[in-house]
Amino acid sequence: MYQLTDAICYKGLMQINMEDMKKLWRLGGVVDALTAKDYTARGISHELYDQVYGERKKPLAMEAAVSMGQRLKPGSRVLIFTGWPSRSWLIKGLTETDGPVGAAILARALEEAFDIIPIIVMEERLCEFGAVGLRAAGLIVSDLETALQSKPGPPKASVGAVIRFTSDANQAQKEAEALLDHVKPDALISIELPGANRDGTYHNVTAREVPTELVMKADYCMREAAARGILTIGIGDGGNELGMGNASEAIRKYLKEGDVIAPVTQVDCLVVSCISNWGALGMAACVAAVAGKPDVFDHIDIMRITDALVNAGAIDGLTAYVDPKNDGTSHEVNRGLTAMLSMSLHMHMNGWKKM
């Protein structure tokens, strides 16, 4: 099994030597190629990616994973925000598979790789989907206080929690401060979540406004975390998600009604992907690599998580049917992507060998 050669741990934090960092960046380029290209012909993936990569000059998913590896330690708390309100013009309390599936994937990968406590954060009416996803990812689900006590170590338990965050802008700053004070997270991740524009409103990719009362105000948490020096990560695929403030130039230039849609909140690391769940899957592979535990990635089953969420009523974000798909992509496609990521992860970590 691959291990980070001469990796130094200082107070539980990982420092990676130059040779291993080169190996990680190379793998990161492969991961981004598998997850961020415009395979579904959406028409914006390349443009968003090019702006962010052009400014960072580092593979996006791997940069996020390395940043977590350098900050997280056993017992760290990570807040993962997700839950796009779907068919919001008709129904309250409905979401899609894209986002919650990825949140569950990251929760499992980070818990197993770095021994952290993952906490899913959702709008109150969507919390049941978070719990379903965590269980399908293989984690025990408990209330917040139990989860926070799950790694006194030893003993320890693989526990996650799902909590609500307010959709009331008038309460959001106060609640964000209280949440960070209580949980004391070392990282915040947002995946496939509406991002507020300059007017504080939210839109889908066709510029239709999403009812603000259905959107948790996670922008406030991200901004408060940034002010405190806590790592912030965003994952998105269309240009209208939280964290896409990092790609605002491309959004305004290439996305129809981009001036209206463009989110303003920026994050430390933005992972642009073809499908947000693919960005999470790619990031999970990178997390396994950074931790020196490639087998962690093979314990993740995107099909099982997707099925569980669909059985709970989540819809496919592209077709709007309650079908086991991720933005229109079937199990066959997602199984193939997982296999390609796993093969690349193991071969990069173990080295190319010709007998």
Protein backbone atom coordinates (compact mmCIF):
# COMPACT_ATOMS: atom_id res chain seq x y z
CA MET A 1 0.00 0.00 0.00
CA TYR A 2 1.23 3.48 -0.84
CA GLN A 3 2.38 5.71 1.99
CA LEU A 4 3.49 9.32 1.87
CA THR A 5 7.29 9.02 1.90
CA ASP A 6 8.84 11.05 4.71
CA ALA A 7 5.52 12.82 5.33
CA ILE A 8 5.78 14.80 8.54
CA CYS A 9 2.93 15.06 11.03
CA TYR A 10 3.15 18.05 13.35
CA LYS A 11 0.46 18.33 16.03
CA GLY A 12 -1.67 15.98 13.92
CA LEU A 13 -1.34 18.05 10.77
CA MET A 14 0.15 16.60 7.59
CA GLN A 15 3.08 18.15 5.79
CA ILE A 16 3.92 16.57 2.42
CA ASN A 17 7.38 16.46 0.92
CA MET A 18 8.18 17.75 -2.55
CA GLU A 19 8.37 14.41 -4.37
CA ASP A 20 5.07 13.18 -3.04
CA MET A 21 3.48 16.55 -3.78
CA LYS A 22 4.51 16.20 -7.43
CA LYS A 23 2.88 12.77 -7.52
CA LEU A 24 -0.32 14.18 -5.99
CA TRP A 25 -0.51 17.09 -8.44
CA ARG A 26 -0.08 14.71 -11.37
CA LEU A 27 -2.87 12.48 -10.10
CA GLY A 28 -4.95 15.59 -9.50
CA GLY A 29 -4.71 16.51 -13.15
CA VAL A 30 -6.08 13.09 -14.10
CA VAL A 31 -8.91 13.40 -11.57
CA ASP A 32 -9.93 16.81 -12.91
CA ALA A 33 -9.86 15.47 -16.48
CA LEU A 34 -12.25 12.69 -15.46
CA THR A 35 -14.66 14.86 -13.49
CA ALA A 36 -14.53 18.43 -14.82
CA LYS A 37 -14.74 18.13 -18.61
CA ASP A 38 -18.05 18.96 -20.26
CA TYR A 39 -19.14 15.36 -20.85
CA THR A 40 -22.83 16.23 -20.61
CA ALA A 41 -22.65 19.16 -23.07
CA ARG A 42 -23.83 21.68 -20.52
CA GLY A 43 -21.78 24.38 -22.16
CA ILE A 44 -20.15 26.06 -19.15
CA SER A 45 -17.83 23.50 -17.46
CA HIS A 46 -14.69 24.35 -19.43
CA GLU A 47 -15.16 28.07 -19.04
CA LEU A 48 -15.61 27.90 -15.28
CA TYR A 49 -12.72 25.49 -14.86
CA ASP A 50 -10.38 27.53 -17.04
CA GLN A 51 -10.85 30.66 -14.97
CA VAL A 52 -10.29 28.95 -11.63
CA TYR A 53 -7.37 26.80 -12.81
CA GLY A 54 -5.86 29.74 -14.63
CA GLU A 55 -5.68 31.69 -11.39
CA ARG A 56 -4.58 28.79 -9.15
CA LYS A 57 -2.37 26.72 -11.51
CA LYS A 58 -3.20 23.63 -9.49
CA PRO A 59 -5.66 20.76 -10.10
CA LEU A 60 -8.79 21.84 -8.28
CA ALA A 61 -9.93 18.67 -6.50
CA MET A 62 -6.41 17.85 -5.35
CA GLU A 63 -5.79 21.39 -4.12
CA ALA A 64 -8.88 21.07 -1.92
CA ALA A 65 -7.78 17.65 -0.64
CA VAL A 66 -4.24 18.81 0.11
CA SER A 67 -5.60 21.84 1.94
CA MET A 68 -7.72 19.55 4.11
CA GLY A 69 -4.81 17.21 4.73
CA GLN A 70 -2.78 20.13 6.01
CA ARG A 71 -5.55 21.29 8.36
CA LEU A 72 -7.46 18.26 9.58
CA LYS A 73 -6.46 16.02 12.46
CA PRO A 74 -8.17 13.12 14.25
CA GLY A 75 -11.36 14.42 15.82
CA SER A 76 -11.61 17.50 13.58
CA ARG A 77 -15.14 18.60 12.75
CA VAL A 78 -16.09 19.30 9.13
CA LEU A 79 -19.36 20.98 8.16
CA ILE A 80 -20.75 19.91 4.77
CA PHE A 81 -23.57 22.09 3.39
CA THR A 82 -25.89 20.80 0.67
CA GLY A 83 -29.47 20.52 -0.58
CA TRP A 84 -30.77 22.38 -3.63
CA PRO A 85 -34.53 23.03 -3.25
CA SER A 86 -35.99 21.28 -6.29
CA ARG A 87 -39.28 22.13 -8.03
CA SER A 88 -39.40 25.03 -5.61
CA TRP A 89 -42.24 26.70 -7.50
CA LEU A 90 -44.47 23.77 -6.55
CA ILE A 91 -43.17 21.79 -3.59
CA LYS A 92 -41.37 22.46 -0.33
CA GLY A 93 -39.00 19.86 1.08
CA LEU A 94 -37.84 18.28 -2.19
CA THR A 95 -34.24 17.99 -3.33
CA GLU A 96 -32.21 16.29 -6.05
CA THR A 97 -29.57 13.59 -5.93
CA ASP A 98 -26.83 15.98 -7.04
CA GLY A 99 -25.44 17.41 -3.84
CA PRO A 100 -26.65 15.09 -1.07
CA VAL A 101 -24.98 12.10 -2.76
CA GLY A 102 -21.71 14.00 -2.97
CA ALA A 103 -22.01 15.20 0.62
CA ALA A 104 -22.36 11.60 1.79
CA ILE A 105 -19.39 10.54 -0.35
CA LEU A 106 -17.19 13.23 1.20
CA ALA A 107 -18.43 12.46 4.70
CA ARG A 108 -17.36 8.81 4.36
CA ALA A 109 -14.04 9.59 2.66
CA LEU A 110 -13.02 12.26 5.15
CA GLU A 111 -14.12 10.25 8.18
CA GLU A 112 -12.20 7.17 7.14
CA ALA A 113 -9.15 8.92 5.70
CA PHE A 114 -8.60 11.59 8.34
CA ASP A 115 -10.66 10.26 11.31
CA ILE A 116 -12.83 13.38 11.41
CA ILE A 117 -16.44 13.99 12.47
CA PRO A 118 -18.60 14.88 9.43
CA ILE A 119 -21.67 17.04 9.97
CA ILE A 120 -24.14 17.54 7.13
CA VAL A 121 -25.94 20.90 7.20
CA MET A 122 -29.24 21.33 5.33
CA GLU A 123 -32.37 23.42 5.24
CA GLU A 124 -34.71 22.00 7.86
CA ARG A 125 -37.17 20.40 5.43
CA LEU A 126 -34.35 18.51 3.68
CA CYS A 127 -32.55 17.03 6.68
CA GLU A 128 -34.03 13.56 6.21
CA PHE A 129 -32.14 13.26 2.92
CA GLY A 130 -28.87 13.98 4.69
CA ALA A 131 -29.44 11.20 7.20
CA VAL A 132 -30.35 8.73 4.44
CA GLY A 133 -27.17 9.60 2.55
CA LEU A 134 -24.90 9.20 5.57
CA ARG A 135 -26.31 5.77 6.38
CA ALA A 136 -25.97 4.63 2.76
CA ALA A 137 -22.35 5.78 2.88
CA GLY A 138 -21.82 3.46 5.83
CA LEU A 139 -21.80 5.93 8.71
CA ILE A 140 -23.76 5.83 11.96
CA VAL A 141 -26.15 8.78 12.20
CA SER A 142 -26.74 10.50 15.52
CA ASP A 143 -27.68 13.86 16.97
CA LEU A 144 -25.01 16.57 16.95
CA GLU A 145 -23.93 16.27 20.57
CA THR A 146 -23.45 12.50 20.32
CA ALA A 147 -21.45 12.91 17.12
CA LEU A 148 -19.17 15.49 18.72
CA GLN A 149 -18.31 12.95 21.43
CA SER A 150 -17.71 10.05 19.02
CA LYS A 151 -13.92 10.27 18.83
CA PRO A 152 -12.45 10.62 22.34
CA GLY A 153 -10.11 7.96 20.95
CA PRO A 154 -9.76 5.23 21.71
CA PRO A 155 -12.51 4.14 21.69
CA LYS A 156 -14.07 5.85 18.71
CA ALA A 157 -17.02 5.43 16.37
CA SER A 158 -17.69 6.34 12.74
CA VAL A 159 -20.53 8.76 13.40
CA GLY A 160 -22.00 11.66 11.46
CA ALA A 161 -24.82 14.07 12.19
CA VAL A 162 -27.31 16.13 10.20
CA ILE A 163 -28.31 19.57 11.44
CA ARG A 164 -30.44 22.42 10.15
CA PHE A 165 -29.42 25.96 9.33
CA THR A 166 -31.74 28.89 9.02
CA SER A 167 -33.32 30.13 5.80
CA ASP A 168 -34.02 33.51 7.45
CA ALA A 169 -31.47 36.12 6.38
CA ASN A 170 -32.27 38.20 9.45
CA GLN A 171 -31.10 35.37 11.71
CA ALA A 172 -28.29 34.00 9.56
CA GLN A 173 -25.31 35.98 10.86
CA LYS A 174 -26.17 35.32 14.48
CA GLU A 175 -26.74 31.61 13.81
CA ALA A 176 -23.54 31.32 11.77
CA GLU A 177 -21.50 32.72 14.64
CA ALA A 178 -23.22 30.43 17.14
CA LEU A 179 -22.71 27.36 14.94
CA LEU A 180 -19.00 27.98 14.47
CA ASP A 181 -18.54 28.80 18.15
CA HIS A 182 -20.20 25.55 19.20
CA VAL A 183 -18.87 23.08 16.62
CA LYS A 184 -15.43 24.66 16.16
CA PRO A 185 -14.94 23.18 12.67
CA ASP A 186 -11.62 22.99 10.87
CA ALA A 187 -13.24 23.11 7.43
CA LEU A 188 -16.52 23.99 5.70
CA ILE A 189 -17.57 22.43 2.39
CA SER A 190 -20.52 23.44 0.23
CA ILE A 191 -21.73 21.20 -2.58
CA GLU A 192 -24.49 22.02 -5.08
CA LEU A 193 -26.07 24.72 -2.96
CA PRO A 194 -27.59 28.00 -4.21
CA GLY A 195 -25.19 30.91 -3.95
CA ALA A 196 -26.45 34.43 -3.26
CA ASN A 197 -25.86 37.07 -5.93
CA ARG A 198 -25.00 40.71 -5.23
CA ASP A 199 -28.63 41.40 -4.30
CA GLY A 200 -28.83 38.42 -1.94
CA THR A 201 -31.12 36.42 -4.21
CA TYR A 202 -30.70 32.91 -5.64
CA HIS A 203 -31.22 31.58 -9.16
CA ASN A 204 -31.14 28.42 -11.19
CA VAL A 205 -29.05 28.32 -14.37
CA THR A 206 -31.89 29.77 -16.46
CA ALA A 207 -32.00 32.79 -14.11
CA ARG A 208 -35.31 31.80 -12.55
CA GLU A 209 -35.29 32.97 -8.95
CA VAL A 210 -35.31 30.31 -6.24
CA PRO A 211 -37.63 31.26 -3.35
CA THR A 212 -35.37 32.64 -0.65
CA GLU A 213 -37.44 31.07 2.15
CA LEU A 214 -36.43 27.61 0.86
CA VAL A 215 -32.69 28.33 0.78
CA MET A 216 -30.56 28.01 3.90
CA LYS A 217 -28.31 31.03 4.20
CA ALA A 218 -25.02 29.15 4.14
CA ASP A 219 -23.23 32.14 2.55
CA TYR A 220 -23.16 33.66 6.03
CA CYS A 221 -21.40 30.58 7.42
CA MET A 222 -18.81 30.61 4.66
CA ARG A 223 -18.05 34.29 5.10
CA GLU A 224 -17.85 33.99 8.88
CA ALA A 225 -15.56 30.96 8.56
CA ALA A 226 -13.30 32.86 6.16
CA ALA A 227 -13.09 35.76 8.60
CA ARG A 228 -11.94 33.29 11.27
CA GLY A 229 -9.33 31.66 9.05
CA ILE A 230 -11.25 28.39 8.73
CA LEU A 231 -10.81 26.51 5.44
CA THR A 232 -13.72 26.94 3.00
CA ILE A 233 -14.37 24.75 -0.05
CA GLY A 234 -17.09 24.98 -2.69
CA ILE A 235 -18.16 22.39 -5.27
CA GLY A 236 -20.39 23.29 -8.20
CA ASP A 237 -21.12 22.59 -11.84
CA GLY A 238 -23.30 25.34 -13.31
CA GLY A 239 -22.03 28.68 -12.06
CA ASN A 240 -24.93 29.44 -9.71
CA GLU A 241 -23.64 27.63 -6.63
CA LEU A 242 -22.20 28.85 -3.36
CA GLY A 243 -18.47 29.45 -3.81
CA MET A 244 -18.73 30.42 -7.47
CA GLY A 245 -17.68 33.92 -6.56
CA ASN A 246 -14.23 32.58 -7.50
CA ALA A 247 -15.43 32.21 -11.11
CA SER A 248 -17.58 35.33 -11.43
CA GLU A 249 -15.77 36.65 -14.49
CA ALA A 250 -16.48 33.48 -16.50
CA ILE A 251 -20.08 33.35 -15.26
CA ARG A 252 -20.80 36.89 -16.39
CA LYS A 253 -19.06 36.34 -19.72
CA TYR A 254 -20.32 32.92 -20.76
CA LEU A 255 -23.52 32.14 -18.87
CA LYS A 256 -26.76 33.58 -20.19
CA GLU A 257 -28.07 36.10 -17.64
CA GLY A 258 -24.74 35.67 -15.87
CA ASP A 259 -24.86 39.18 -14.41
CA VAL A 260 -28.08 38.22 -12.63
CA ILE A 261 -26.99 34.74 -11.58
CA ALA A 262 -23.36 35.25 -10.48
CA PRO A 263 -22.84 34.34 -6.80
CA VAL A 264 -20.59 36.66 -4.83
CA THR A 265 -19.27 34.53 -1.95
CA GLN A 266 -15.74 33.26 -2.54
CA VAL A 267 -14.04 30.24 -0.99
CA ASP A 268 -10.45 29.14 -0.40
CA CYS A 269 -10.79 26.26 -2.87
CA LEU A 270 -13.40 25.96 -5.62
CA VAL A 271 -13.88 22.56 -7.26
CA VAL A 272 -15.55 22.95 -10.65
CA SER A 273 -16.98 19.74 -12.08
CA CYS A 274 -19.22 18.46 -14.84
CA ILE A 275 -21.64 17.25 -12.15
CA SER A 276 -21.23 18.32 -8.53
CA ASN A 277 -21.38 14.72 -7.29
CA TRP A 278 -18.54 13.92 -9.67
CA GLY A 279 -16.53 16.73 -8.11
CA ALA A 280 -17.13 15.15 -4.70
CA LEU A 281 -16.19 11.71 -6.04
CA GLY A 282 -12.98 13.10 -7.51
CA MET A 283 -12.22 14.93 -4.30
CA ALA A 284 -12.75 11.69 -2.36
CA ALA A 285 -10.14 10.00 -4.53
CA CYS A 286 -7.76 12.88 -3.85
CA VAL A 287 -8.46 12.72 -0.11
CA ALA A 288 -7.58 9.01 -0.14
CA ALA A 289 -4.34 9.83 -1.95
CA VAL A 290 -3.35 12.64 0.40
CA ALA A 291 -4.02 10.44 3.42
CA GLY A 292 -1.95 7.64 1.88
CA LYS A 293 -4.97 5.33 2.10
CA PRO A 294 -6.12 4.61 -1.47
CA ASP A 295 -8.36 1.73 -0.33
CA VAL A 296 -10.61 4.28 1.37
CA PHE A 297 -11.92 5.30 -2.03
CA ASP A 298 -12.90 1.73 -2.85
CA HIS A 299 -15.22 1.64 0.16
CA ILE A 300 -17.45 4.32 -1.38
CA ASP A 301 -20.48 3.15 -3.36
CA ILE A 302 -22.08 6.02 -5.27
CA MET A 303 -24.75 3.69 -6.63
CA ARG A 304 -25.88 2.56 -3.17
CA ILE A 305 -26.02 6.17 -1.93
CA THR A 306 -27.94 7.29 -5.03
CA ASP A 307 -30.45 4.45 -4.69
CA ALA A 308 -31.06 5.24 -1.03
CA LEU A 309 -31.73 8.92 -1.72
CA VAL A 310 -34.03 8.14 -4.64
CA ASN A 311 -35.94 5.68 -2.49
CA ALA A 312 -36.36 8.54 -0.01
CA GLY A 313 -37.85 10.70 -2.79
CA ALA A 314 -34.91 12.67 -4.21
CA ILE A 315 -35.22 13.43 -7.91
CA ASP A 316 -32.73 13.42 -10.76
CA GLY A 317 -31.83 17.07 -11.25
CA LEU A 318 -31.84 16.86 -15.05
CA THR A 319 -34.97 14.84 -15.81
CA ALA A 320 -36.92 15.65 -12.60
CA TYR A 321 -38.02 12.01 -12.33
CA VAL A 322 -37.46 9.98 -9.18
CA ASP A 323 -34.90 7.88 -11.04
CA PRO A 324 -31.53 6.56 -9.80
CA LYS A 325 -29.40 9.04 -11.73
CA ASN A 326 -27.00 11.88 -11.03
CA ASP A 327 -27.82 14.82 -13.31
CA GLY A 328 -29.01 12.46 -16.01
CA THR A 329 -26.13 9.97 -15.72
CA SER A 330 -26.96 6.32 -15.09
CA HIS A 331 -25.47 3.80 -12.68
CA GLU A 332 -23.50 2.35 -15.58
CA VAL A 333 -21.81 5.70 -16.21
CA ASN A 334 -21.14 6.40 -12.54
CA ARG A 335 -19.81 2.89 -11.98
CA GLY A 336 -17.42 3.41 -14.88
CA LEU A 337 -16.27 6.77 -13.54
CA THR A 338 -15.66 5.26 -10.12
CA ALA A 339 -13.62 2.46 -11.69
CA MET A 340 -11.49 4.89 -13.70
CA LEU A 341 -10.82 7.03 -10.64
CA SER A 342 -9.91 3.97 -8.57
CA MET A 343 -7.55 2.64 -11.23
CA SER A 344 -5.84 6.02 -11.60
CA LEU A 345 -5.57 6.45 -7.84
CA HIS A 346 -3.97 3.07 -7.22
CA MET A 347 -1.59 3.23 -10.19
CA HIS A 348 -0.38 6.73 -9.36
CA MET A 349 0.09 5.89 -5.71
CA ASN A 350 1.78 2.54 -6.29
CA GLY A 351 3.76 3.53 -9.36
CA TRP A 352 3.66 2.41 -13.00
CA LYS A 353 5.43 -0.91 -13.32
CA LYS A 354 6.24 -2.87 -16.46
CA MET A 355 7.21 -6.45 -15.82
